[in-house]
Amino acid sequence: MTLRKAPLFFLAAAAAMIGAGIWQGEMATVLNKGVNLCLECVGIG
């Protein structure tokens, strides 16, 4: 079974970027923007 290296590289790079975003506290920012968008679409906010 041979594995190609490019998909594994991109998978590792994506995991590193997601980890860096979580480490910097961007998870709360993304959640806040998502909640605001949903409230605006429904018309509550």
C-alpha atoms as a PDB file:
ATOM      1  CA  MET A   1       0.000   0.000   0.000  1.00  0.00           C
ATOM      2  CA  THR A   2       1.607   3.220  -1.121  1.00  0.00           C
ATOM      3  CA  LEU A   3       0.604   6.547   0.338  1.00  0.00           C
ATOM      4  CA  ARG A   4       0.888   9.796  -1.516  1.00  0.00           C
ATOM      5  CA  LYS A   5       2.654  12.484   0.433  1.00  0.00           C
ATOM      6  CA  ALA A   6       0.755  15.569  -0.800  1.00  0.00           C
ATOM      7  CA  PRO A   7      -2.618  14.745   0.857  1.00  0.00           C
ATOM      8  CA  LEU A   8      -0.880  13.945   4.129  1.00  0.00           C
ATOM      9  CA  PHE A   9       1.042  17.211   3.955  1.00  0.00           C
ATOM     10  CA  PHE A  10      -2.120  19.234   3.357  1.00  0.00           C
ATOM     11  CA  LEU A  11      -3.965  17.380   6.110  1.00  0.00           C
ATOM     12  CA  ALA A  12      -1.160  18.154   8.564  1.00  0.00           C
ATOM     13  CA  ALA A  13      -1.038  21.794   7.419  1.00  0.00           C
ATOM     14  CA  ALA A  14      -4.813  22.154   7.883  1.00  0.00           C
ATOM     15  CA  ALA A  15      -4.638  20.635  11.370  1.00  0.00           C
ATOM     16  CA  ALA A  16      -1.805  23.008  12.271  1.00  0.00           C
ATOM     17  CA  MET A  17      -3.764  26.035  11.041  1.00  0.00           C
ATOM     18  CA  ILE A  18      -6.886  24.986  12.939  1.00  0.00           C
ATOM     19  CA  GLY A  19      -4.787  24.435  16.072  1.00  0.00           C
ATOM     20  CA  ALA A  20      -3.163  27.861  15.698  1.00  0.00           C
ATOM     21  CA  GLY A  21      -6.560  29.510  15.345  1.00  0.00           C
ATOM     22  CA  ILE A  22      -7.894  27.797  18.452  1.00  0.00           C
ATOM     23  CA  TRP A  23      -4.727  28.696  20.373  1.00  0.00           C
ATOM     24  CA  GLN A  24      -5.188  32.384  19.476  1.00  0.00           C
ATOM     25  CA  GLY A  25      -8.813  32.397  20.654  1.00  0.00           C
ATOM     26  CA  GLU A  26     -10.424  32.758  17.248  1.00  0.00           C
ATOM     27  CA  MET A  27     -12.955  30.027  18.007  1.00  0.00           C
ATOM     28  CA  ALA A  28     -15.099  32.451  20.048  1.00  0.00           C
ATOM     29  CA  THR A  29     -14.902  35.076  17.282  1.00  0.00           C
ATOM     30  CA  VAL A  30     -16.135  32.646  14.630  1.00  0.00           C
ATOM     31  CA  LEU A  31     -18.950  31.439  16.876  1.00  0.00           C
ATOM     32  CA  ASN A  32     -19.989  35.039  17.655  1.00  0.00           C
ATOM     33  CA  LYS A  33     -20.073  35.956  13.956  1.00  0.00           C
ATOM     34  CA  GLY A  34     -22.123  32.853  13.164  1.00  0.00           C
ATOM     35  CA  VAL A  35     -24.661  33.624  15.889  1.00  0.00           C
ATOM     36  CA  ASN A  36     -24.983  37.235  14.727  1.00  0.00           C
ATOM     37  CA  LEU A  37     -25.493  36.134  11.119  1.00  0.00           C
ATOM     38  CA  CYS A  38     -28.214  33.664  12.106  1.00  0.00           C
ATOM     39  CA  LEU A  39     -30.006  36.219  14.253  1.00  0.00           C
ATOM     40  CA  GLU A  40     -29.939  38.753  11.415  1.00  0.00           C
ATOM     41  CA  CYS A  41     -31.327  36.249   8.918  1.00  0.00           C
ATOM     42  CA  VAL A  42     -34.169  35.253  11.239  1.00  0.00           C
ATOM     43  CA  GLY A  43     -34.877  38.915  11.978  1.00  0.00           C
ATOM     44  CA  ILE A  44     -34.507  38.799  15.769  1.00  0.00           C
ATOM     45  CA  GLY A  45     -31.414  41.017  15.994  1.00  0.00           C
END
